[in-house]
């Protein structure tokens, strides 16, 4: 098991991409297909769209392995209390 703290940047692949809207949608779709969200925790961190210029920039990330995703998703809670 890894000794680094949970949620450390080293557990993720991070993608930063800028292109046309169509190319950005294709890039995002390809990442989601290759690294399914429920298996790798794949998600869009940030997305900016400029419709007038047909430009999009986005940041995506996912865990490097399915085991890291599982380890993070099944870790004990951090002591948060349930809402009253």
N, C-alpha and C. Protein backbone atom coordinates (compact mmCIF):
# COMPACT_ATOMS: atom_id res chain seq x y z
N UNK A 1 0.84 -1.18 0.00
CA UNK A 1 0.00 0.00 0.00
C UNK A 1 0.89 1.25 0.00
N UNK A 2 0.41 2.27 -0.62
CA UNK A 2 1.16 3.52 -0.75
C UNK A 2 1.14 4.30 0.56
N UNK A 3 2.28 4.88 0.94
CA UNK A 3 2.38 5.61 2.20
C UNK A 3 2.01 7.09 2.06
N UNK A 4 1.79 7.57 0.84
CA UNK A 4 1.40 8.97 0.66
C UNK A 4 0.00 9.21 1.19
N UNK A 5 -0.27 10.44 1.58
CA UNK A 5 -1.60 10.79 2.07
C UNK A 5 -2.62 10.66 0.95
N UNK A 6 -3.84 10.34 1.34
CA UNK A 6 -4.91 10.29 0.35
C UNK A 6 -5.03 11.63 -0.36
N UNK A 7 -5.45 11.58 -1.60
CA UNK A 7 -5.72 12.75 -2.44
C UNK A 7 -4.47 13.51 -2.87
N UNK A 8 -3.29 12.93 -2.71
CA UNK A 8 -2.06 13.56 -3.17
C UNK A 8 -2.07 13.63 -4.71
N UNK A 9 -1.52 14.71 -5.27
CA UNK A 9 -1.50 14.90 -6.72
C UNK A 9 -0.84 13.75 -7.46
N UNK A 10 0.09 13.09 -6.83
CA UNK A 10 0.84 12.02 -7.50
C UNK A 10 -0.03 10.81 -7.85
N UNK A 11 -1.23 10.72 -7.30
CA UNK A 11 -2.12 9.60 -7.59
C UNK A 11 -2.92 9.81 -8.88
N UNK A 12 -2.84 11.00 -9.47
CA UNK A 12 -3.68 11.37 -10.61
C UNK A 12 -2.89 11.59 -11.88
N UNK A 13 -3.58 11.37 -13.00
CA UNK A 13 -3.17 11.91 -14.29
C UNK A 13 -4.01 13.17 -14.48
N UNK A 14 -3.38 14.25 -14.86
CA UNK A 14 -4.07 15.52 -15.06
C UNK A 14 -3.87 15.95 -16.50
N UNK A 15 -4.98 16.26 -17.18
CA UNK A 15 -4.95 16.68 -18.57
C UNK A 15 -5.42 18.12 -18.67
N UNK A 16 -4.68 18.94 -19.37
CA UNK A 16 -5.10 20.30 -19.68
C UNK A 16 -5.16 20.41 -21.19
N UNK A 17 -6.29 20.85 -21.71
CA UNK A 17 -6.52 20.82 -23.15
C UNK A 17 -7.24 22.08 -23.59
N UNK A 18 -6.77 22.70 -24.68
CA UNK A 18 -7.44 23.86 -25.27
C UNK A 18 -7.57 23.64 -26.76
N UNK A 19 -8.76 23.90 -27.28
CA UNK A 19 -9.01 23.65 -28.69
C UNK A 19 -10.36 24.21 -29.09
N UNK A 20 -10.84 23.79 -30.25
CA UNK A 20 -12.20 24.16 -30.66
C UNK A 20 -13.19 23.39 -29.78
N UNK A 21 -14.42 23.85 -29.77
CA UNK A 21 -15.45 23.18 -28.97
C UNK A 21 -15.60 21.72 -29.38
N UNK A 22 -15.63 21.47 -30.68
CA UNK A 22 -15.82 20.10 -31.18
C UNK A 22 -14.65 19.20 -30.77
N UNK A 23 -13.43 19.69 -30.92
CA UNK A 23 -12.25 18.89 -30.56
C UNK A 23 -12.18 18.66 -29.05
N UNK A 24 -12.56 19.65 -28.27
CA UNK A 24 -12.56 19.50 -26.81
C UNK A 24 -13.59 18.46 -26.38
N UNK A 25 -14.78 18.49 -26.99
CA UNK A 25 -15.80 17.49 -26.67
C UNK A 25 -15.32 16.08 -27.03
N UNK A 26 -14.64 15.95 -28.15
CA UNK A 26 -14.11 14.65 -28.57
C UNK A 26 -13.03 14.18 -27.59
N UNK A 27 -12.13 15.08 -27.20
CA UNK A 27 -11.08 14.75 -26.24
C UNK A 27 -11.70 14.27 -24.92
N UNK A 28 -12.69 15.02 -24.42
CA UNK A 28 -13.35 14.68 -23.16
C UNK A 28 -14.04 13.32 -23.27
N UNK A 29 -14.74 13.10 -24.37
CA UNK A 29 -15.42 11.83 -24.58
C UNK A 29 -14.44 10.66 -24.63
N UNK A 30 -13.31 10.87 -25.30
CA UNK A 30 -12.30 9.81 -25.38
C UNK A 30 -11.72 9.46 -24.01
N UNK A 31 -11.46 10.47 -23.20
CA UNK A 31 -10.93 10.22 -21.84
C UNK A 31 -11.96 9.47 -21.00
N UNK A 32 -13.23 9.90 -21.06
CA UNK A 32 -14.27 9.21 -20.29
C UNK A 32 -14.45 7.76 -20.76
N UNK A 33 -14.28 7.52 -22.06
CA UNK A 33 -14.42 6.16 -22.59
C UNK A 33 -13.24 5.28 -22.15
N UNK A 34 -12.04 5.84 -22.23
CA UNK A 34 -10.84 5.07 -21.88
C UNK A 34 -10.71 4.85 -20.37
N UNK A 35 -11.14 5.85 -19.59
CA UNK A 35 -11.06 5.79 -18.12
C UNK A 35 -12.43 6.08 -17.52
N UNK A 36 -13.30 5.06 -17.45
CA UNK A 36 -14.67 5.27 -16.95
C UNK A 36 -14.68 5.89 -15.54
N UNK A 37 -15.56 6.86 -15.32
CA UNK A 37 -15.60 7.57 -14.04
C UNK A 37 -15.73 6.66 -12.82
N UNK A 38 -16.56 5.63 -12.88
CA UNK A 38 -16.74 4.77 -11.71
C UNK A 38 -15.54 3.86 -11.44
N UNK A 39 -14.68 3.69 -12.43
CA UNK A 39 -13.51 2.83 -12.26
C UNK A 39 -12.24 3.63 -11.95
N UNK A 40 -12.17 4.87 -12.45
CA UNK A 40 -10.97 5.69 -12.30
C UNK A 40 -11.23 7.04 -11.64
N UNK A 41 -12.46 7.34 -11.29
CA UNK A 41 -12.77 8.64 -10.69
C UNK A 41 -12.57 9.79 -11.67
N UNK A 42 -12.72 9.52 -12.95
CA UNK A 42 -12.50 10.53 -13.99
C UNK A 42 -13.52 11.65 -13.87
N UNK A 43 -13.03 12.88 -13.93
CA UNK A 43 -13.94 14.02 -13.86
C UNK A 43 -13.33 15.28 -14.46
N UNK A 44 -14.20 16.21 -14.82
CA UNK A 44 -13.77 17.51 -15.33
C UNK A 44 -13.57 18.42 -14.13
N UNK A 45 -12.38 18.95 -14.00
CA UNK A 45 -12.06 19.84 -12.89
C UNK A 45 -12.49 21.27 -13.22
N UNK A 46 -12.24 21.65 -14.47
CA UNK A 46 -12.52 23.02 -14.88
C UNK A 46 -12.79 23.03 -16.38
N UNK A 47 -13.76 23.86 -16.80
CA UNK A 47 -14.07 23.96 -18.22
C UNK A 47 -14.49 25.39 -18.53
N UNK A 48 -13.83 25.99 -19.52
CA UNK A 48 -14.15 27.35 -19.95
C UNK A 48 -14.50 27.33 -21.43
N UNK A 49 -15.62 27.92 -21.78
CA UNK A 49 -16.09 27.94 -23.16
C UNK A 49 -16.24 29.38 -23.62
N UNK A 50 -15.69 29.67 -24.80
CA UNK A 50 -15.86 30.95 -25.47
C UNK A 50 -16.58 30.66 -26.78
N UNK A 51 -17.91 30.73 -26.74
CA UNK A 51 -18.72 30.37 -27.90
C UNK A 51 -18.41 31.28 -29.09
N UNK A 52 -18.23 32.56 -28.83
CA UNK A 52 -17.97 33.51 -29.90
C UNK A 52 -16.71 33.19 -30.70
N UNK A 53 -15.71 32.66 -30.03
CA UNK A 53 -14.44 32.32 -30.70
C UNK A 53 -14.34 30.82 -30.98
N UNK A 54 -15.39 30.04 -30.63
CA UNK A 54 -15.40 28.59 -30.82
C UNK A 54 -14.21 27.93 -30.14
N UNK A 55 -13.91 28.36 -28.90
CA UNK A 55 -12.78 27.83 -28.15
C UNK A 55 -13.25 27.23 -26.83
N UNK A 56 -12.52 26.23 -26.39
CA UNK A 56 -12.80 25.59 -25.11
C UNK A 56 -11.48 25.18 -24.48
N UNK A 57 -11.36 25.42 -23.19
CA UNK A 57 -10.22 24.89 -22.45
C UNK A 57 -10.77 24.10 -21.27
N UNK A 58 -10.15 22.97 -21.02
CA UNK A 58 -10.64 22.15 -19.92
C UNK A 58 -9.50 21.45 -19.22
N UNK A 59 -9.76 21.12 -17.97
CA UNK A 59 -8.83 20.34 -17.15
C UNK A 59 -9.60 19.13 -16.66
N UNK A 60 -9.03 17.96 -16.87
CA UNK A 60 -9.63 16.71 -16.40
C UNK A 60 -8.60 15.96 -15.58
N UNK A 61 -9.08 15.08 -14.70
CA UNK A 61 -8.15 14.21 -14.00
C UNK A 61 -8.82 12.90 -13.64
N UNK A 62 -7.98 11.90 -13.42
CA UNK A 62 -8.44 10.59 -12.96
C UNK A 62 -7.30 9.90 -12.23
N UNK A 63 -7.65 8.92 -11.43
CA UNK A 63 -6.63 8.16 -10.72
C UNK A 63 -5.80 7.36 -11.72
N UNK A 64 -4.55 7.12 -11.39
CA UNK A 64 -3.66 6.39 -12.28
C UNK A 64 -4.04 4.92 -12.39
N UNK A 65 -4.62 4.36 -11.34
CA UNK A 65 -5.03 2.96 -11.37
C UNK A 65 -6.42 2.79 -10.76
N UNK A 66 -7.06 1.69 -11.11
CA UNK A 66 -8.36 1.38 -10.52
C UNK A 66 -8.21 1.11 -9.02
N UNK A 67 -7.09 0.52 -8.63
CA UNK A 67 -6.87 0.24 -7.21
C UNK A 67 -6.76 1.52 -6.39
N UNK A 68 -6.11 2.55 -6.94
CA UNK A 68 -6.04 3.84 -6.23
C UNK A 68 -7.42 4.45 -6.09
N UNK A 69 -8.21 4.34 -7.14
CA UNK A 69 -9.58 4.87 -7.08
C UNK A 69 -10.36 4.15 -5.97
N UNK A 70 -10.27 2.84 -5.95
CA UNK A 70 -10.98 2.05 -4.93
C UNK A 70 -10.48 2.40 -3.53
N UNK A 71 -9.17 2.55 -3.38
CA UNK A 71 -8.60 2.87 -2.06
C UNK A 71 -9.12 4.21 -1.56
N UNK A 72 -9.16 5.20 -2.43
CA UNK A 72 -9.65 6.51 -2.04
C UNK A 72 -11.15 6.51 -1.77
N UNK A 73 -11.89 5.77 -2.59
CA UNK A 73 -13.35 5.77 -2.45
C UNK A 73 -13.85 4.94 -1.27
N UNK A 74 -13.01 4.07 -0.76
CA UNK A 74 -13.43 3.23 0.36
C UNK A 74 -12.66 3.53 1.64
N UNK A 75 -11.92 4.63 1.64
CA UNK A 75 -11.17 5.02 2.84
C UNK A 75 -12.13 5.39 3.96
N UNK A 76 -11.73 5.20 5.19
CA UNK A 76 -12.59 5.60 6.31
C UNK A 76 -12.89 7.11 6.23
N UNK A 77 -14.00 7.49 6.79
CA UNK A 77 -14.35 8.91 6.79
C UNK A 77 -13.36 9.70 7.62
N UNK A 78 -13.40 10.98 7.45
CA UNK A 78 -12.46 11.86 8.16
C UNK A 78 -13.04 12.41 9.45
N UNK A 79 -14.06 11.75 9.98
CA UNK A 79 -14.63 12.17 11.24
C UNK A 79 -15.74 13.18 11.11
N UNK A 80 -16.26 13.35 9.89
CA UNK A 80 -17.36 14.29 9.72
C UNK A 80 -18.60 13.74 10.40
N UNK A 81 -19.40 14.60 10.92
CA UNK A 81 -20.63 14.15 11.58
C UNK A 81 -21.80 14.26 10.62
N UNK A 82 -22.79 13.46 10.88
CA UNK A 82 -24.00 13.48 10.07
C UNK A 82 -24.78 14.77 10.38
N UNK A 83 -25.44 15.33 9.36
CA UNK A 83 -26.27 16.52 9.63
C UNK A 83 -27.39 16.18 10.62
N UNK A 84 -27.74 17.14 11.41
CA UNK A 84 -28.78 16.93 12.44
C UNK A 84 -30.16 16.82 11.82
